[in-house]
């Protein structure tokens, strides 16, 4: 597969905020817009972005048209998800691949947007970005998101290098000092939900990033068993977990989440690390380019991004 990188953002570029999943609050959207403008970019969104239809931001048709318009509008340089929740998978059959194909752009979000990250990579080979959302993390300003990793990922033409300020926790050191592979992944619940669809994850020769929030350990165990039994760990190069915020049975459960994750990934012979703050992380949400080459360094307890996530303008 040919990997296609979007063009780098430049100061003053226009960003379209979209809501492909759950509905959002006007005040959160306003704060997110103000933060993106503070970073030096222009912002636009469609009038219907605050729509509500049950648990989604308006009808499937509205959300599909909004997403298609953002990608095909030549004045827009990046497409930024307002929030996650639920609804992105409902758009799979409605998105027009032939209209989208000529318009690779920065697409950023996490949680439910994992489904679209996987779909866009499988269909087109596009590099997309697992990072803070406009009406959530950016609405909180810093330190809810990591400004440095965001701007390096979206505007830099050089290899990003080591990412994250704090060392990760080693669950398994593996058989190598370091491992290289294509960085892919996102929210574990969505990776599980898209199995058997066009967006099913391809983990061959990959550094697999997995994160989630508010999911009980037995449910994480079940989803990891699904990945293992379906062969998704057979050719993986390494695994790095997020912070897995609030993933506990109860405070007195008598075991740690790390013990559960280590047990589920035992015997693979690859490094498995824990604690990367990207996605459902309340502080310092990192931006990760998905689809690029990365290196997992268990000895240094670090993840490094070996190339830029964007191409020159």
C-alpha atoms as a PDB file:
ATOM      1  CA  UNK A   1       0.000   0.000   0.000  1.00  0.00           C
ATOM      2  CA  UNK A   2       1.223   3.481  -0.854  1.00  0.00           C
ATOM      3  CA  UNK A   3       1.194   5.715   2.223  1.00  0.00           C
ATOM      4  CA  UNK A   4      -0.131   9.221   1.521  1.00  0.00           C
ATOM      5  CA  UNK A   5       0.657  12.098   3.864  1.00  0.00           C
ATOM      6  CA  UNK A   6      -1.480  15.243   3.986  1.00  0.00           C
ATOM      7  CA  UNK A   7       0.069  18.651   3.437  1.00  0.00           C
ATOM      8  CA  UNK A   8       1.456  20.416   6.481  1.00  0.00           C
ATOM      9  CA  UNK A   9      -0.522  23.183   8.106  1.00  0.00           C
ATOM     10  CA  UNK A  10       0.735  26.749   7.718  1.00  0.00           C
ATOM     11  CA  UNK A  11      -0.158  29.760   9.906  1.00  0.00           C
ATOM     12  CA  UNK A  12      -3.475  31.211   8.821  1.00  0.00           C
ATOM     13  CA  UNK A  13      -4.722  28.004   7.156  1.00  0.00           C
ATOM     14  CA  UNK A  14      -8.417  27.174   7.446  1.00  0.00           C
ATOM     15  CA  UNK A  15      -9.536  24.257   9.585  1.00  0.00           C
ATOM     16  CA  UNK A  16     -13.024  22.733   9.346  1.00  0.00           C
ATOM     17  CA  UNK A  17     -14.504  21.405  12.577  1.00  0.00           C
ATOM     18  CA  UNK A  18     -16.842  18.453  11.995  1.00  0.00           C
ATOM     19  CA  UNK A  19     -19.070  16.306  14.187  1.00  0.00           C
ATOM     20  CA  UNK A  20     -19.235  12.797  12.687  1.00  0.00           C
ATOM     21  CA  UNK A  21     -20.250  11.189  15.974  1.00  0.00           C
ATOM     22  CA  UNK A  22     -22.146  12.419  19.057  1.00  0.00           C
ATOM     23  CA  UNK A  23     -23.761  15.818  19.549  1.00  0.00           C
ATOM     24  CA  UNK A  24     -21.867  18.588  21.292  1.00  0.00           C
ATOM     25  CA  UNK A  25     -22.375  21.647  23.457  1.00  0.00           C
ATOM     26  CA  UNK A  26     -22.143  25.161  22.024  1.00  0.00           C
ATOM     27  CA  UNK A  27     -19.917  26.514  24.796  1.00  0.00           C
ATOM     28  CA  UNK A  28     -17.408  23.688  24.381  1.00  0.00           C
ATOM     29  CA  UNK A  29     -17.322  24.310  20.623  1.00  0.00           C
ATOM     30  CA  UNK A  30     -16.752  28.037  21.154  1.00  0.00           C
ATOM     31  CA  UNK A  31     -13.848  27.407  23.533  1.00  0.00           C
ATOM     32  CA  UNK A  32     -12.302  24.909  21.122  1.00  0.00           C
ATOM     33  CA  UNK A  33     -12.552  27.382  18.253  1.00  0.00           C
ATOM     34  CA  UNK A  34     -10.877  30.055  20.371  1.00  0.00           C
ATOM     35  CA  UNK A  35      -8.002  27.680  21.177  1.00  0.00           C
ATOM     36  CA  UNK A  36      -7.435  26.730  17.523  1.00  0.00           C
ATOM     37  CA  UNK A  37      -7.435  30.424  16.620  1.00  0.00           C
ATOM     38  CA  UNK A  38      -4.916  31.035  19.400  1.00  0.00           C
ATOM     39  CA  UNK A  39      -2.689  28.476  17.683  1.00  0.00           C
ATOM     40  CA  UNK A  40      -2.754  30.653  14.562  1.00  0.00           C
ATOM     41  CA  UNK A  41      -5.384  29.069  12.324  1.00  0.00           C
ATOM     42  CA  UNK A  42      -8.738  30.098  10.893  1.00  0.00           C
ATOM     43  CA  UNK A  43     -11.782  28.013  11.779  1.00  0.00           C
ATOM     44  CA  UNK A  44     -15.057  27.250  10.012  1.00  0.00           C
ATOM     45  CA  UNK A  45     -17.914  24.859  10.619  1.00  0.00           C
ATOM     46  CA  UNK A  46     -21.321  24.218   9.125  1.00  0.00           C
ATOM     47  CA  UNK A  47     -24.446  25.720  10.669  1.00  0.00           C
ATOM     48  CA  UNK A  48     -25.870  22.316  11.543  1.00  0.00           C
ATOM     49  CA  UNK A  49     -22.944  21.159  13.660  1.00  0.00           C
ATOM     50  CA  UNK A  50     -24.992  21.583  16.858  1.00  0.00           C
ATOM     51  CA  UNK A  51     -27.798  19.382  15.552  1.00  0.00           C
ATOM     52  CA  UNK A  52     -29.005  16.456  17.648  1.00  0.00           C
ATOM     53  CA  UNK A  53     -30.657  13.230  16.545  1.00  0.00           C
ATOM     54  CA  UNK A  54     -30.931  10.819  19.474  1.00  0.00           C
ATOM     55  CA  UNK A  55     -27.269  10.316  20.441  1.00  0.00           C
ATOM     56  CA  UNK A  56     -25.609  11.723  17.304  1.00  0.00           C
ATOM     57  CA  UNK A  57     -24.888  15.212  15.958  1.00  0.00           C
ATOM     58  CA  UNK A  58     -27.800  15.174  13.558  1.00  0.00           C
ATOM     59  CA  UNK A  59     -28.787  12.603  10.970  1.00  0.00           C
ATOM     60  CA  UNK A  60     -26.377  10.278   9.216  1.00  0.00           C
ATOM     61  CA  UNK A  61     -27.001  12.289   6.031  1.00  0.00           C
ATOM     62  CA  UNK A  62     -26.121  15.588   7.700  1.00  0.00           C
ATOM     63  CA  UNK A  63     -22.941  14.253   9.246  1.00  0.00           C
ATOM     64  CA  UNK A  64     -21.855  12.554   6.015  1.00  0.00           C
ATOM     65  CA  UNK A  65     -22.382  15.692   3.942  1.00  0.00           C
ATOM     66  CA  UNK A  66     -20.523  17.778   6.516  1.00  0.00           C
ATOM     67  CA  UNK A  67     -17.534  15.424   6.414  1.00  0.00           C
ATOM     68  CA  UNK A  68     -17.544  15.164   2.620  1.00  0.00           C
ATOM     69  CA  UNK A  69     -17.782  18.954   2.257  1.00  0.00           C
ATOM     70  CA  UNK A  70     -14.859  19.502   4.613  1.00  0.00           C
ATOM     71  CA  UNK A  71     -12.580  17.122   2.725  1.00  0.00           C
ATOM     72  CA  UNK A  72     -13.522  18.318  -0.760  1.00  0.00           C
ATOM     73  CA  UNK A  73     -13.481  22.075  -0.026  1.00  0.00           C
ATOM     74  CA  UNK A  74     -10.222  23.347  -1.522  1.00  0.00           C
ATOM     75  CA  UNK A  75     -10.028  26.207   1.001  1.00  0.00           C
ATOM     76  CA  UNK A  76      -9.880  23.765   3.952  1.00  0.00           C
ATOM     77  CA  UNK A  77      -6.469  22.360   4.954  1.00  0.00           C
ATOM     78  CA  UNK A  78      -7.451  20.206   7.942  1.00  0.00           C
ATOM     79  CA  UNK A  79     -10.558  18.389   9.193  1.00  0.00           C
ATOM     80  CA  UNK A  80     -10.836  18.381  12.989  1.00  0.00           C
ATOM     81  CA  UNK A  81     -13.339  16.278  14.923  1.00  0.00           C
ATOM     82  CA  UNK A  82     -15.329  18.158  17.540  1.00  0.00           C
ATOM     83  CA  UNK A  83     -15.798  15.139  19.812  1.00  0.00           C
ATOM     84  CA  UNK A  84     -16.231  11.380  19.841  1.00  0.00           C
ATOM     85  CA  UNK A  85     -19.047   9.420  21.442  1.00  0.00           C
ATOM     86  CA  UNK A  86     -20.789   7.306  18.811  1.00  0.00           C
ATOM     87  CA  UNK A  87     -21.829   7.502  15.178  1.00  0.00           C
ATOM     88  CA  UNK A  88     -18.792   7.353  12.888  1.00  0.00           C
ATOM     89  CA  UNK A  89     -19.390   3.751  11.789  1.00  0.00           C
ATOM     90  CA  UNK A  90     -22.860   4.695  10.586  1.00  0.00           C
ATOM     91  CA  UNK A  91     -21.211   6.805   7.853  1.00  0.00           C
ATOM     92  CA  UNK A  92     -19.123   4.033   6.264  1.00  0.00           C
ATOM     93  CA  UNK A  93     -21.626   3.144   3.546  1.00  0.00           C
ATOM     94  CA  UNK A  94     -22.544   6.787   2.870  1.00  0.00           C
ATOM     95  CA  UNK A  95     -19.080   8.254   2.266  1.00  0.00           C
ATOM     96  CA  UNK A  96     -18.188   8.460  -1.437  1.00  0.00           C
ATOM     97  CA  UNK A  97     -14.672   6.990  -1.805  1.00  0.00           C
ATOM     98  CA  UNK A  98     -14.113   8.333  -5.314  1.00  0.00           C
ATOM     99  CA  UNK A  99     -14.944  11.888  -4.246  1.00  0.00           C
ATOM    100  CA  UNK A 100     -12.725  11.597  -1.172  1.00  0.00           C
ATOM    101  CA  UNK A 101      -9.712   9.921  -2.784  1.00  0.00           C
ATOM    102  CA  UNK A 102      -8.232  13.066  -4.440  1.00  0.00           C
ATOM    103  CA  UNK A 103      -8.396  15.059  -1.187  1.00  0.00           C
ATOM    104  CA  UNK A 104      -6.004  13.731   1.470  1.00  0.00           C
ATOM    105  CA  UNK A 105      -6.040  16.177   4.357  1.00  0.00           C
ATOM    106  CA  UNK A 106      -5.111  16.259   8.003  1.00  0.00           C
ATOM    107  CA  UNK A 107      -7.843  14.441   9.924  1.00  0.00           C
ATOM    108  CA  UNK A 108      -7.576  14.507  13.697  1.00  0.00           C
ATOM    109  CA  UNK A 109      -9.564  12.992  16.556  1.00  0.00           C
ATOM    110  CA  UNK A 110      -9.753   9.876  18.734  1.00  0.00           C
ATOM    111  CA  UNK A 111     -12.253   7.625  20.527  1.00  0.00           C
ATOM    112  CA  UNK A 112     -15.138   6.924  18.097  1.00  0.00           C
ATOM    113  CA  UNK A 113     -13.063   8.539  15.332  1.00  0.00           C
ATOM    114  CA  UNK A 114     -10.774   5.494  15.476  1.00  0.00           C
ATOM    115  CA  UNK A 115     -13.288   3.907  13.087  1.00  0.00           C
ATOM    116  CA  UNK A 116     -12.658   6.650  10.511  1.00  0.00           C
ATOM    117  CA  UNK A 117      -8.884   6.543  11.015  1.00  0.00           C
ATOM    118  CA  UNK A 118      -8.925   2.844  10.166  1.00  0.00           C
ATOM    119  CA  UNK A 119     -11.324   3.266   7.241  1.00  0.00           C
ATOM    120  CA  UNK A 120      -9.331   6.098   5.637  1.00  0.00           C
ATOM    121  CA  UNK A 121      -6.087   4.156   6.021  1.00  0.00           C
ATOM    122  CA  UNK A 122      -7.507   0.941   4.584  1.00  0.00           C
ATOM    123  CA  UNK A 123      -9.256   2.671   1.679  1.00  0.00           C
ATOM    124  CA  UNK A 124      -6.639   5.238   0.717  1.00  0.00           C
ATOM    125  CA  UNK A 125      -3.440   4.714   2.724  1.00  0.00           C
ATOM    126  CA  UNK A 126      -3.888   8.127   4.343  1.00  0.00           C
ATOM    127  CA  UNK A 127      -1.880   9.150   7.387  1.00  0.00           C
ATOM    128  CA  UNK A 128      -4.307  10.527   9.980  1.00  0.00           C
ATOM    129  CA  UNK A 129      -3.808  11.863  13.501  1.00  0.00           C
ATOM    130  CA  UNK A 130      -4.846  10.419  16.857  1.00  0.00           C
ATOM    131  CA  UNK A 131      -5.041  13.568  18.907  1.00  0.00           C
ATOM    132  CA  UNK A 132      -7.075  16.149  20.838  1.00  0.00           C
ATOM    133  CA  UNK A 133     -10.592  17.081  19.742  1.00  0.00           C
ATOM    134  CA  UNK A 134     -11.889  20.589  19.245  1.00  0.00           C
ATOM    135  CA  UNK A 135     -14.912  20.618  21.570  1.00  0.00           C
ATOM    136  CA  UNK A 136     -13.301  18.478  24.240  1.00  0.00           C
ATOM    137  CA  UNK A 137      -9.542  18.650  24.906  1.00  0.00           C
ATOM    138  CA  UNK A 138      -8.936  21.944  23.107  1.00  0.00           C
ATOM    139  CA  UNK A 139     -11.950  23.414  24.871  1.00  0.00           C
ATOM    140  CA  UNK A 140     -10.047  22.833  28.107  1.00  0.00           C
ATOM    141  CA  UNK A 141      -6.906  24.504  26.786  1.00  0.00           C
ATOM    142  CA  UNK A 142      -3.479  23.550  28.024  1.00  0.00           C
ATOM    143  CA  UNK A 143      -2.538  21.342  29.831  1.00  0.00           C
ATOM    144  CA  UNK A 144      -5.459  19.170  28.656  1.00  0.00           C
ATOM    145  CA  UNK A 145      -3.562  18.642  25.397  1.00  0.00           C
ATOM    146  CA  UNK A 146       0.123  18.661  24.496  1.00  0.00           C
ATOM    147  CA  UNK A 147       0.695  21.718  22.309  1.00  0.00           C
ATOM    148  CA  UNK A 148       4.229  20.756  21.292  1.00  0.00           C
ATOM    149  CA  UNK A 149       3.360  17.320  19.899  1.00  0.00           C
ATOM    150  CA  UNK A 150       0.279  18.747  18.165  1.00  0.00           C
ATOM    151  CA  UNK A 151       2.181  21.426  16.276  1.00  0.00           C
ATOM    152  CA  UNK A 152       5.120  19.147  15.478  1.00  0.00           C
ATOM    153  CA  UNK A 153       2.751  16.539  14.068  1.00  0.00           C
ATOM    154  CA  UNK A 154       0.629  18.924  11.992  1.00  0.00           C
ATOM    155  CA  UNK A 155       3.192  21.501  10.834  1.00  0.00           C
ATOM    156  CA  UNK A 156       6.650  19.878  10.958  1.00  0.00           C
ATOM    157  CA  UNK A 157       8.463  18.387   7.979  1.00  0.00           C
ATOM    158  CA  UNK A 158      11.110  16.563  10.051  1.00  0.00           C
ATOM    159  CA  UNK A 159      10.938  13.267  11.925  1.00  0.00           C
ATOM    160  CA  UNK A 160       9.001  13.850  15.146  1.00  0.00           C
ATOM    161  CA  UNK A 161      11.323  11.742  17.303  1.00  0.00           C
ATOM    162  CA  UNK A 162      10.718  10.694  20.895  1.00  0.00           C
ATOM    163  CA  UNK A 163       7.210  11.539  22.030  1.00  0.00           C
ATOM    164  CA  UNK A 164       5.915  12.087  25.550  1.00  0.00           C
ATOM    165  CA  UNK A 165       7.623  13.660  28.535  1.00  0.00           C
ATOM    166  CA  UNK A 166       7.512  10.723  30.959  1.00  0.00           C
ATOM    167  CA  UNK A 167       8.961   7.213  30.619  1.00  0.00           C
ATOM    168  CA  UNK A 168       6.480   4.440  29.907  1.00  0.00           C
ATOM    169  CA  UNK A 169       5.977   1.347  32.034  1.00  0.00           C
ATOM    170  CA  UNK A 170       7.392  -1.876  30.611  1.00  0.00           C
ATOM    171  CA  UNK A 171       4.969  -4.811  30.779  1.00  0.00           C
ATOM    172  CA  UNK A 172       7.143  -7.064  28.585  1.00  0.00           C
ATOM    173  CA  UNK A 173      10.615  -6.196  27.319  1.00  0.00           C
ATOM    174  CA  UNK A 174      10.470  -8.539  24.324  1.00  0.00           C
ATOM    175  CA  UNK A 175      13.423 -10.081  22.556  1.00  0.00           C
ATOM    176  CA  UNK A 176      14.932  -6.929  21.019  1.00  0.00           C
ATOM    177  CA  UNK A 177      16.538  -3.721  22.223  1.00  0.00           C
ATOM    178  CA  UNK A 178      14.223  -1.843  19.878  1.00  0.00           C
ATOM    179  CA  UNK A 179      11.543  -2.673  17.314  1.00  0.00           C
ATOM    180  CA  UNK A 180      10.411  -0.728  14.267  1.00  0.00           C
ATOM    181  CA  UNK A 181       7.047  -0.778  12.566  1.00  0.00           C
ATOM    182  CA  UNK A 182       4.114   1.181  11.212  1.00  0.00           C
ATOM    183  CA  UNK A 183       2.233   2.951  14.018  1.00  0.00           C
ATOM    184  CA  UNK A 184      -1.448   2.017  13.889  1.00  0.00           C
ATOM    185  CA  UNK A 185      -4.285   1.711  16.369  1.00  0.00           C
ATOM    186  CA  UNK A 186      -6.533   3.837  18.541  1.00  0.00           C
ATOM    187  CA  UNK A 187      -9.433   3.117  20.879  1.00  0.00           C
ATOM    188  CA  UNK A 188      -9.581  -0.610  21.633  1.00  0.00           C
ATOM    189  CA  UNK A 189     -13.391  -0.676  21.798  1.00  0.00           C
ATOM    190  CA  UNK A 190     -13.612   0.674  18.237  1.00  0.00           C
ATOM    191  CA  UNK A 191     -10.898  -1.614  16.954  1.00  0.00           C
ATOM    192  CA  UNK A 192     -12.938  -4.496  18.314  1.00  0.00           C
ATOM    193  CA  UNK A 193     -16.196  -3.102  16.879  1.00  0.00           C
ATOM    194  CA  UNK A 194     -14.760  -2.770  13.354  1.00  0.00           C
ATOM    195  CA  UNK A 195     -13.509  -6.356  13.130  1.00  0.00           C
ATOM    196  CA  UNK A 196     -15.059  -7.988  10.066  1.00  0.00           C
ATOM    197  CA  UNK A 197     -15.712  -4.630   8.389  1.00  0.00           C
ATOM    198  CA  UNK A 198     -13.829  -2.670   5.742  1.00  0.00           C
ATOM    199  CA  UNK A 199     -12.083  -0.872   8.603  1.00  0.00           C
ATOM    200  CA  UNK A 200     -10.687  -4.039  10.244  1.00  0.00           C
ATOM    201  CA  UNK A 201      -7.212  -3.273  11.536  1.00  0.00           C
ATOM    202  CA  UNK A 202      -4.136  -4.673   9.776  1.00  0.00           C
ATOM    203  CA  UNK A 203      -1.465  -5.236  12.434  1.00  0.00           C
ATOM    204  CA  UNK A 204       1.189  -6.915  10.292  1.00  0.00           C
ATOM    205  CA  UNK A 205       4.638  -5.423  11.024  1.00  0.00           C
ATOM    206  CA  UNK A 206       2.987  -2.770  13.183  1.00  0.00           C
ATOM    207  CA  UNK A 207       3.623  -0.928  16.401  1.00  0.00           C
ATOM    208  CA  UNK A 208       0.101  -1.319  17.791  1.00  0.00           C
ATOM    209  CA  UNK A 209      -1.249   1.506  19.945  1.00  0.00           C
ATOM    210  CA  UNK A 210      -4.266   0.652  22.107  1.00  0.00           C
ATOM    211  CA  UNK A 211      -6.140   2.947  24.485  1.00  0.00           C
ATOM    212  CA  UNK A 212      -9.579   3.202  26.072  1.00  0.00           C
ATOM    213  CA  UNK A 213     -11.480   4.750  28.947  1.00  0.00           C
ATOM    214  CA  UNK A 214     -14.040   3.647  31.533  1.00  0.00           C
ATOM    215  CA  UNK A 215     -13.910   0.030  30.368  1.00  0.00           C
ATOM    216  CA  UNK A 216     -13.783  -2.676  33.009  1.00  0.00           C
ATOM    217  CA  UNK A 217     -10.728  -4.968  33.024  1.00  0.00           C
ATOM    218  CA  UNK A 218     -12.717  -8.074  32.072  1.00  0.00           C
ATOM    219  CA  UNK A 219     -14.041  -6.259  28.979  1.00  0.00           C
ATOM    220  CA  UNK A 220     -10.523  -5.194  27.990  1.00  0.00           C
ATOM    221  CA  UNK A 221      -9.435  -8.813  28.500  1.00  0.00           C
ATOM    222  CA  UNK A 222     -12.256  -9.978  26.211  1.00  0.00           C
ATOM    223  CA  UNK A 223     -11.322  -7.550  23.431  1.00  0.00           C
ATOM    224  CA  UNK A 224      -7.635  -8.423  23.680  1.00  0.00           C
ATOM    225  CA  UNK A 225      -8.504 -12.119  23.495  1.00  0.00           C
ATOM    226  CA  UNK A 226     -10.484 -11.328  20.349  1.00  0.00           C
ATOM    227  CA  UNK A 227      -7.420  -9.691  18.790  1.00  0.00           C
ATOM    228  CA  UNK A 228      -5.182 -12.550  19.840  1.00  0.00           C
ATOM    229  CA  UNK A 229      -7.532 -15.310  18.643  1.00  0.00           C
ATOM    230  CA  UNK A 230      -8.073 -13.542  15.303  1.00  0.00           C
ATOM    231  CA  UNK A 231      -4.332 -13.457  14.656  1.00  0.00           C
ATOM    232  CA  UNK A 232      -3.861  -9.728  15.163  1.00  0.00           C
ATOM    233  CA  UNK A 233      -0.898 -10.302  17.508  1.00  0.00           C
ATOM    234  CA  UNK A 234       0.819 -12.898  15.290  1.00  0.00           C
ATOM    235  CA  UNK A 235       2.921 -10.464  13.248  1.00  0.00           C
ATOM    236  CA  UNK A 236       2.847  -7.383  15.441  1.00  0.00           C
ATOM    237  CA  UNK A 237       6.257  -5.806  16.186  1.00  0.00           C
ATOM    238  CA  UNK A 238       5.322  -4.222  19.509  1.00  0.00           C
ATOM    239  CA  UNK A 239       2.391  -2.919  21.546  1.00  0.00           C
ATOM    240  CA  UNK A 240       2.009   0.328  23.470  1.00  0.00           C
ATOM    241  CA  UNK A 241      -1.022   0.978  25.662  1.00  0.00           C
ATOM    242  CA  UNK A 242      -2.431   4.357  26.574  1.00  0.00           C
ATOM    243  CA  UNK A 243      -3.142   5.444  30.120  1.00  0.00           C
ATOM    244  CA  UNK A 244      -6.475   3.532  30.083  1.00  0.00           C
ATOM    245  CA  UNK A 245      -8.167   6.136  32.274  1.00  0.00           C
ATOM    246  CA  UNK A 246     -10.791   4.828  34.745  1.00  0.00           C
ATOM    247  CA  UNK A 247     -10.476   1.252  33.471  1.00  0.00           C
ATOM    248  CA  UNK A 248     -11.142  -0.535  36.749  1.00  0.00           C
ATOM    249  CA  UNK A 249     -13.713  -2.898  38.200  1.00  0.00           C
ATOM    250  CA  UNK A 250     -13.754  -1.065  41.536  1.00  0.00           C
ATOM    251  CA  UNK A 251     -11.119   0.555  43.790  1.00  0.00           C
ATOM    252  CA  UNK A 252     -10.673  -2.620  45.867  1.00  0.00           C
ATOM    253  CA  UNK A 253     -10.449  -5.079  42.995  1.00  0.00           C
ATOM    254  CA  UNK A 254      -7.214  -6.611  44.299  1.00  0.00           C
ATOM    255  CA  UNK A 255      -5.222  -6.496  41.045  1.00  0.00           C
ATOM    256  CA  UNK A 256      -3.847  -3.831  38.767  1.00  0.00           C
ATOM    257  CA  UNK A 257      -4.870  -3.079  35.204  1.00  0.00           C
ATOM    258  CA  UNK A 258      -1.243  -3.506  34.195  1.00  0.00           C
ATOM    259  CA  UNK A 259      -1.335  -7.095  35.475  1.00  0.00           C
ATOM    260  CA  UNK A 260      -4.376  -7.794  33.295  1.00  0.00           C
ATOM    261  CA  UNK A 261      -2.786  -6.253  30.188  1.00  0.00           C
ATOM    262  CA  UNK A 262       0.507  -8.050  30.801  1.00  0.00           C
ATOM    263  CA  UNK A 263      -1.289 -11.381  31.124  1.00  0.00           C
ATOM    264  CA  UNK A 264      -3.250 -10.790  27.894  1.00  0.00           C
ATOM    265  CA  UNK A 265      -0.062 -10.000  25.948  1.00  0.00           C
ATOM    266  CA  UNK A 266       2.241 -12.611  27.505  1.00  0.00           C
ATOM    267  CA  UNK A 267       4.240 -14.953  25.292  1.00  0.00           C
ATOM    268  CA  UNK A 268       4.274 -12.749  22.207  1.00  0.00           C
ATOM    269  CA  UNK A 269       8.026 -12.141  22.335  1.00  0.00           C
ATOM    270  CA  UNK A 270       7.557  -8.436  21.576  1.00  0.00           C
ATOM    271  CA  UNK A 271       7.905  -5.358  23.784  1.00  0.00           C
ATOM    272  CA  UNK A 272       4.707  -4.202  25.455  1.00  0.00           C
ATOM    273  CA  UNK A 273       4.665  -0.784  27.139  1.00  0.00           C
ATOM    274  CA  UNK A 274       1.987   1.077  29.087  1.00  0.00           C
ATOM    275  CA  UNK A 275       1.021   4.664  29.852  1.00  0.00           C
ATOM    276  CA  UNK A 276       1.263   6.750  26.663  1.00  0.00           C
ATOM    277  CA  UNK A 277      -1.031   9.775  27.209  1.00  0.00           C
ATOM    278  CA  UNK A 278      -2.855   9.963  23.880  1.00  0.00           C
ATOM    279  CA  UNK A 279      -6.618   9.858  23.449  1.00  0.00           C
ATOM    280  CA  UNK A 280      -8.606   9.464  26.666  1.00  0.00           C
ATOM    281  CA  UNK A 281      -5.959  11.151  28.793  1.00  0.00           C
ATOM    282  CA  UNK A 282      -7.041  14.098  30.937  1.00  0.00           C
ATOM    283  CA  UNK A 283      -3.628  15.766  30.919  1.00  0.00           C
ATOM    284  CA  UNK A 284      -1.171  16.247  28.053  1.00  0.00           C
ATOM    285  CA  UNK A 285      -3.088  14.472  25.278  1.00  0.00           C
ATOM    286  CA  UNK A 286      -0.412  13.665  22.686  1.00  0.00           C
ATOM    287  CA  UNK A 287      -0.890  13.796  18.922  1.00  0.00           C
ATOM    288  CA  UNK A 288       0.204  10.619  17.110  1.00  0.00           C
ATOM    289  CA  UNK A 289       0.437  10.317  13.314  1.00  0.00           C
ATOM    290  CA  UNK A 290      -1.076   6.953  12.394  1.00  0.00           C
ATOM    291  CA  UNK A 291       0.418   5.080   9.448  1.00  0.00           C
ATOM    292  CA  UNK A 292       4.021   6.297   9.764  1.00  0.00           C
ATOM    293  CA  UNK A 293       7.098   4.387  10.878  1.00  0.00           C
ATOM    294  CA  UNK A 294       7.842   4.335  14.597  1.00  0.00           C
ATOM    295  CA  UNK A 295      10.271   2.715  17.028  1.00  0.00           C
ATOM    296  CA  UNK A 296       9.447   1.213  20.408  1.00  0.00           C
ATOM    297  CA  UNK A 297      12.392   1.286  22.826  1.00  0.00           C
ATOM    298  CA  UNK A 298      11.701  -0.846  25.915  1.00  0.00           C
ATOM    299  CA  UNK A 299      15.128  -0.140  27.431  1.00  0.00           C
ATOM    300  CA  UNK A 300      14.530   3.603  27.262  1.00  0.00           C
ATOM    301  CA  UNK A 301      10.805   3.139  27.966  1.00  0.00           C
ATOM    302  CA  UNK A 302       9.951   5.370  25.027  1.00  0.00           C
ATOM    303  CA  UNK A 303       8.108   5.559  21.719  1.00  0.00           C
ATOM    304  CA  UNK A 304       9.765   7.463  18.855  1.00  0.00           C
ATOM    305  CA  UNK A 305       8.105   8.614  15.631  1.00  0.00           C
ATOM    306  CA  UNK A 306      10.660   8.066  12.873  1.00  0.00           C
ATOM    307  CA  UNK A 307       9.239  10.348  10.204  1.00  0.00           C
ATOM    308  CA  UNK A 308       7.029  13.376   9.702  1.00  0.00           C
ATOM    309  CA  UNK A 309       3.289  12.848   9.593  1.00  0.00           C
ATOM    310  CA  UNK A 310       2.781  15.544   6.954  1.00  0.00           C
ATOM    311  CA  UNK A 311       4.366  16.460   3.648  1.00  0.00           C
ATOM    312  CA  UNK A 312       5.681  19.870   2.606  1.00  0.00           C
ATOM    313  CA  UNK A 313       3.119  22.454   1.641  1.00  0.00           C
END
